[in-house]
Amino acid sequence: IELSSIGNNGEIIKFTTKFGEDLPNRARRKVKQGDVIISSIEGSLDKCAVITKEFEDYLCSTGFYILKPRIYSSETLLILMKSWFVQKQLKRGCSGTILTAISQDELEKIILPKIDKKTQEKISDNVKKCFVLRNKAKKLLEIAKHAVEVAIEENEEITDSIAAIGMGIPGRHDSKRGICYFSPNFRWRDVHVTRPIEESLGLPVFMNNDVRTAALGEKHFGAG
């Protein structure tokens, strides 16, 4: 698990699989379910994630610190570490010349607020619900990707003429970055839509609002 493996909402969005002899030197720290990993590198201090059952016994980069929650639930600690007042403390504790990072001594000085058990339970429930919805979003994207693959396989004669793939997504998003910020239809928040499909199919993928793409489709291929 690398720094680039962490999504904006504290989830692990990808990982690298390698044989032990091929692992980089920085792949040294084994994580357990319930751990919270946080980046030590200035510039990516907000890269924090909860280790779920799926990633039990994975290795993470030495660019992370591994926190084992005791007073807080894993989800509560995640939210705290990503909060502006903790991020400010982390940044203030960074030092170094070539690579600026926060040391373990400075990390242990971070001040966290007391949060009662009932509030922590609410936080945990909300974060877990968010993770469930994100997993559903991933599955939906897998279905869409598979549908495109099937369409290409069934029409091999036009495969070479496919220049790109277009997607119409309901909701608010950044078309240039391929991120859906919010979709009420799919209950998505901050989902990378185009990247996983591009990586799988090797074709550029573009997305826009579903109403706009429907209008474009009608203009170019419809009845007029």
Protein backbone atom coordinates (compact mmCIF):
# COMPACT_ATOMS: atom_id res chain seq x y z
CA ILE A 1 0.00 0.00 0.00
CA GLU A 2 1.59 3.25 -1.18
CA LEU A 3 0.73 6.90 -0.56
CA SER A 4 -0.88 6.94 -4.00
CA SER A 5 -3.14 4.06 -2.90
CA ILE A 6 -5.18 6.26 -0.58
CA GLY A 7 -8.38 7.98 -1.73
CA ASN A 8 -9.72 11.32 -0.56
CA ASN A 9 -12.14 9.80 1.94
CA GLY A 10 -9.86 7.47 3.86
CA GLU A 11 -10.29 4.40 1.67
CA ILE A 12 -7.68 2.29 -0.10
CA ILE A 13 -8.43 2.54 -3.80
CA LYS A 14 -5.59 0.39 -5.18
CA PHE A 15 -2.55 -1.66 -4.21
CA THR A 16 0.48 -3.27 -5.80
CA THR A 17 1.01 -7.03 -5.89
CA LYS A 18 4.61 -8.29 -6.02
CA PHE A 19 6.71 -11.26 -4.92
CA GLY A 20 8.74 -10.71 -1.77
CA GLU A 21 12.05 -10.51 -3.61
CA ASP A 22 10.67 -7.79 -5.87
CA LEU A 23 9.27 -5.60 -3.09
CA PRO A 24 10.87 -2.17 -2.63
CA ASN A 25 12.77 -1.52 0.60
CA ARG A 26 10.02 0.79 1.84
CA ALA A 27 7.47 -2.07 1.94
CA ARG A 28 8.21 -3.12 5.52
CA ARG A 29 5.18 -2.48 7.72
CA LYS A 30 2.42 -5.07 8.10
CA VAL A 31 -1.05 -3.76 8.84
CA LYS A 32 -3.96 -5.33 10.69
CA GLN A 33 -7.71 -4.81 10.48
CA GLY A 34 -8.70 -1.73 12.46
CA ASP A 35 -5.32 0.00 12.13
CA VAL A 36 -5.25 3.57 10.88
CA ILE A 37 -2.38 4.50 8.59
CA ILE A 38 -1.33 8.12 8.16
CA SER A 39 1.26 9.67 5.89
CA SER A 40 4.38 11.11 7.51
CA ILE A 41 5.35 13.16 4.44
CA GLU A 42 4.54 16.87 4.23
CA GLY A 43 2.40 17.51 1.20
CA SER A 44 0.47 14.28 1.66
CA LEU A 45 -0.35 14.39 5.38
CA ASP A 46 -4.04 13.99 4.58
CA LYS A 47 -3.38 10.51 3.15
CA CYS A 48 -5.00 8.52 5.95
CA ALA A 49 -6.98 5.29 5.79
CA VAL A 50 -8.64 2.63 7.93
CA ILE A 51 -7.40 -0.90 7.30
CA THR A 52 -10.45 -3.05 6.61
CA LYS A 53 -10.62 -6.86 6.66
CA GLU A 54 -9.83 -6.92 2.95
CA PHE A 55 -6.34 -5.54 3.61
CA GLU A 56 -5.45 -7.59 6.70
CA ASP A 57 -1.71 -8.48 6.72
CA TYR A 58 -0.90 -6.28 3.72
CA LEU A 59 2.37 -4.35 3.72
CA CYS A 60 2.41 -0.58 3.66
CA SER A 61 5.14 1.88 2.81
CA THR A 62 7.46 3.25 5.48
CA GLY A 63 6.02 6.61 4.44
CA PHE A 64 3.11 5.75 6.75
CA TYR A 65 2.77 5.59 10.50
CA ILE A 66 0.51 2.80 11.78
CA LEU A 67 -1.85 3.83 14.58
CA LYS A 68 -3.57 1.18 16.69
CA PRO A 69 -6.67 2.84 18.20
CA ARG A 70 -7.42 2.30 21.89
CA ILE A 71 -9.37 5.29 23.15
CA TYR A 72 -10.99 6.02 19.79
CA SER A 73 -12.73 3.84 17.25
CA SER A 74 -10.79 3.39 14.00
CA GLU A 75 -13.28 5.52 12.09
CA THR A 76 -13.23 8.31 14.68
CA LEU A 77 -9.44 8.41 14.63
CA LEU A 78 -9.51 8.58 10.83
CA ILE A 79 -11.84 11.60 10.89
CA LEU A 80 -9.72 13.30 13.55
CA MET A 81 -6.46 12.78 11.63
CA LYS A 82 -8.03 14.28 8.50
CA SER A 83 -9.54 17.25 10.36
CA TRP A 84 -8.12 20.72 9.78
CA PHE A 85 -6.92 21.22 13.36
CA VAL A 86 -4.95 17.96 13.42
CA GLN A 87 -3.63 18.52 9.90
CA LYS A 88 -2.37 21.92 11.04
CA GLN A 89 -0.53 20.32 13.97
CA LEU A 90 0.97 17.66 11.71
CA LYS A 91 2.23 20.25 9.26
CA ARG A 92 3.72 22.35 12.07
CA GLY A 93 5.59 19.29 13.35
CA CYS A 94 7.28 18.55 10.01
CA SER A 95 11.01 19.08 9.62
CA GLY A 96 13.83 18.09 7.31
CA THR A 97 15.78 19.38 4.36
CA ILE A 98 15.54 17.03 1.38
CA LEU A 99 12.34 15.25 2.48
CA THR A 100 10.17 17.15 4.95
CA ALA A 101 8.26 14.83 7.26
CA ILE A 102 6.89 14.54 10.77
CA SER A 103 8.92 12.48 13.24
CA GLN A 104 7.42 9.96 15.64
CA ASP A 105 8.27 12.26 18.58
CA GLU A 106 6.34 15.11 17.01
CA LEU A 107 3.46 12.79 16.09
CA GLU A 108 3.11 11.75 19.72
CA LYS A 109 2.69 15.41 20.69
CA ILE A 110 -0.46 15.82 18.59
CA ILE A 111 -3.40 16.98 20.72
CA LEU A 112 -6.72 15.22 20.12
CA PRO A 113 -10.09 16.13 21.66
CA LYS A 114 -12.05 13.85 23.96
CA ILE A 115 -15.06 12.33 22.23
CA ASP A 116 -17.71 10.39 24.13
CA LYS A 117 -18.52 6.82 23.20
CA LYS A 118 -21.98 7.58 21.83
CA THR A 119 -20.62 10.20 19.43
CA GLN A 120 -17.88 7.82 18.33
CA GLU A 121 -20.48 5.17 17.54
CA LYS A 122 -22.35 7.64 15.32
CA ILE A 123 -19.13 8.59 13.55
CA SER A 124 -18.23 4.93 13.00
CA ASP A 125 -21.67 4.13 11.61
CA ASN A 126 -21.55 7.03 9.14
CA VAL A 127 -18.03 6.20 7.95
CA LYS A 128 -18.89 2.51 7.51
CA LYS A 129 -21.99 3.46 5.51
CA CYS A 130 -19.79 5.64 3.33
CA PHE A 131 -17.42 2.72 2.71
CA VAL A 132 -20.34 0.44 1.79
CA LEU A 133 -21.62 2.97 -0.74
CA ARG A 134 -18.15 3.35 -2.24
CA ASN A 135 -17.88 -0.43 -2.66
CA LYS A 136 -21.23 -0.40 -4.45
CA ALA A 137 -19.91 2.37 -6.69
CA LYS A 138 -16.86 0.25 -7.55
CA LYS A 139 -19.08 -2.72 -8.41
CA LEU A 140 -21.27 -0.53 -10.60
CA LEU A 141 -18.21 0.73 -12.46
CA GLU A 142 -17.04 -2.87 -12.91
CA ILE A 143 -20.41 -3.70 -14.47
CA ALA A 144 -20.12 -0.71 -16.82
CA LYS A 145 -16.56 -1.66 -17.76
CA HIS A 146 -17.59 -5.26 -18.45
CA ALA A 147 -20.46 -4.05 -20.65
CA VAL A 148 -18.02 -2.03 -22.75
CA GLU A 149 -15.65 -5.01 -23.03
CA VAL A 150 -18.50 -7.24 -24.22
CA ALA A 151 -19.64 -4.64 -26.75
CA ILE A 152 -16.10 -4.38 -28.14
CA GLU A 153 -15.69 -8.17 -28.33
CA GLU A 154 -19.01 -8.58 -30.16
CA ASN A 155 -18.02 -5.95 -32.72
CA GLU A 156 -14.37 -6.77 -33.36
CA GLU A 157 -14.51 -5.27 -36.83
CA ILE A 158 -14.89 -1.77 -35.34
CA THR A 159 -12.39 -2.21 -32.51
CA ASP A 160 -9.57 -0.41 -34.33
CA SER A 161 -11.83 2.54 -35.04
CA ILE A 162 -12.70 3.19 -31.38
CA ALA A 163 -10.87 6.36 -30.37
CA ALA A 164 -12.39 6.90 -26.91
CA ILE A 165 -15.27 6.08 -24.59
CA GLY A 166 -17.88 8.56 -23.39
CA MET A 167 -19.96 8.31 -20.23
CA GLY A 168 -23.02 10.21 -19.05
CA ILE A 169 -23.19 10.46 -15.25
CA PRO A 170 -26.01 12.16 -13.32
CA GLY A 171 -24.95 14.63 -10.64
CA ARG A 172 -22.13 17.09 -10.01
CA HIS A 173 -18.64 16.28 -11.21
CA ASP A 174 -15.33 17.43 -12.66
CA SER A 175 -15.33 16.29 -16.27
CA LYS A 176 -11.63 17.08 -16.80
CA ARG A 177 -10.46 15.03 -13.82
CA GLY A 178 -13.07 12.30 -14.27
CA ILE A 179 -14.37 12.57 -10.71
CA CYS A 180 -18.01 12.46 -9.66
CA TYR A 181 -18.38 14.65 -6.57
CA PHE A 182 -22.00 13.77 -5.93
CA SER A 183 -24.61 11.66 -7.70
CA PRO A 184 -28.00 11.33 -6.00
CA ASN A 185 -28.98 8.53 -8.37
CA PHE A 186 -26.00 6.33 -7.48
CA ARG A 187 -25.42 7.83 -4.01
CA TRP A 188 -21.81 8.54 -5.01
CA ARG A 189 -19.44 11.00 -3.38
CA ASP A 190 -15.93 11.71 -4.70
CA VAL A 191 -15.75 8.67 -6.97
CA HIS A 192 -13.03 8.38 -9.63
CA VAL A 193 -15.07 7.29 -12.63
CA THR A 194 -12.86 7.42 -15.70
CA ARG A 195 -9.48 6.29 -14.34
CA PRO A 196 -10.24 2.60 -13.59
CA ILE A 197 -11.91 2.14 -16.97
CA GLU A 198 -9.02 3.83 -18.80
CA GLU A 199 -6.51 1.59 -17.00
CA SER A 200 -8.47 -1.53 -17.87
CA LEU A 201 -9.34 -0.84 -21.50
CA GLY A 202 -6.35 1.26 -22.53
CA LEU A 203 -8.61 3.88 -24.10
CA PRO A 204 -9.23 7.50 -23.09
CA VAL A 205 -12.52 7.90 -21.21
CA PHE A 206 -14.51 11.12 -21.00
CA MET A 207 -17.48 11.88 -18.79
CA ASN A 208 -20.10 14.59 -18.61
CA ASN A 209 -23.56 15.19 -17.23
CA ASP A 210 -26.04 12.56 -18.41
CA VAL A 211 -28.49 15.14 -19.80
CA ARG A 212 -25.76 16.80 -21.86
CA THR A 213 -24.45 13.50 -23.22
CA ALA A 214 -28.00 12.39 -24.08
CA ALA A 215 -28.51 15.64 -26.00
CA LEU A 216 -25.22 15.16 -27.85
CA GLY A 217 -26.19 11.59 -28.71
CA GLU A 218 -29.54 12.74 -30.04
CA LYS A 219 -27.89 15.50 -32.07
CA HIS A 220 -25.35 13.28 -33.77
CA PHE A 221 -27.08 9.89 -33.92
CA GLY A 222 -30.75 10.47 -33.17
CA ALA A 223 -33.74 11.49 -35.21
CA GLY A 224 -32.59 15.08 -35.16
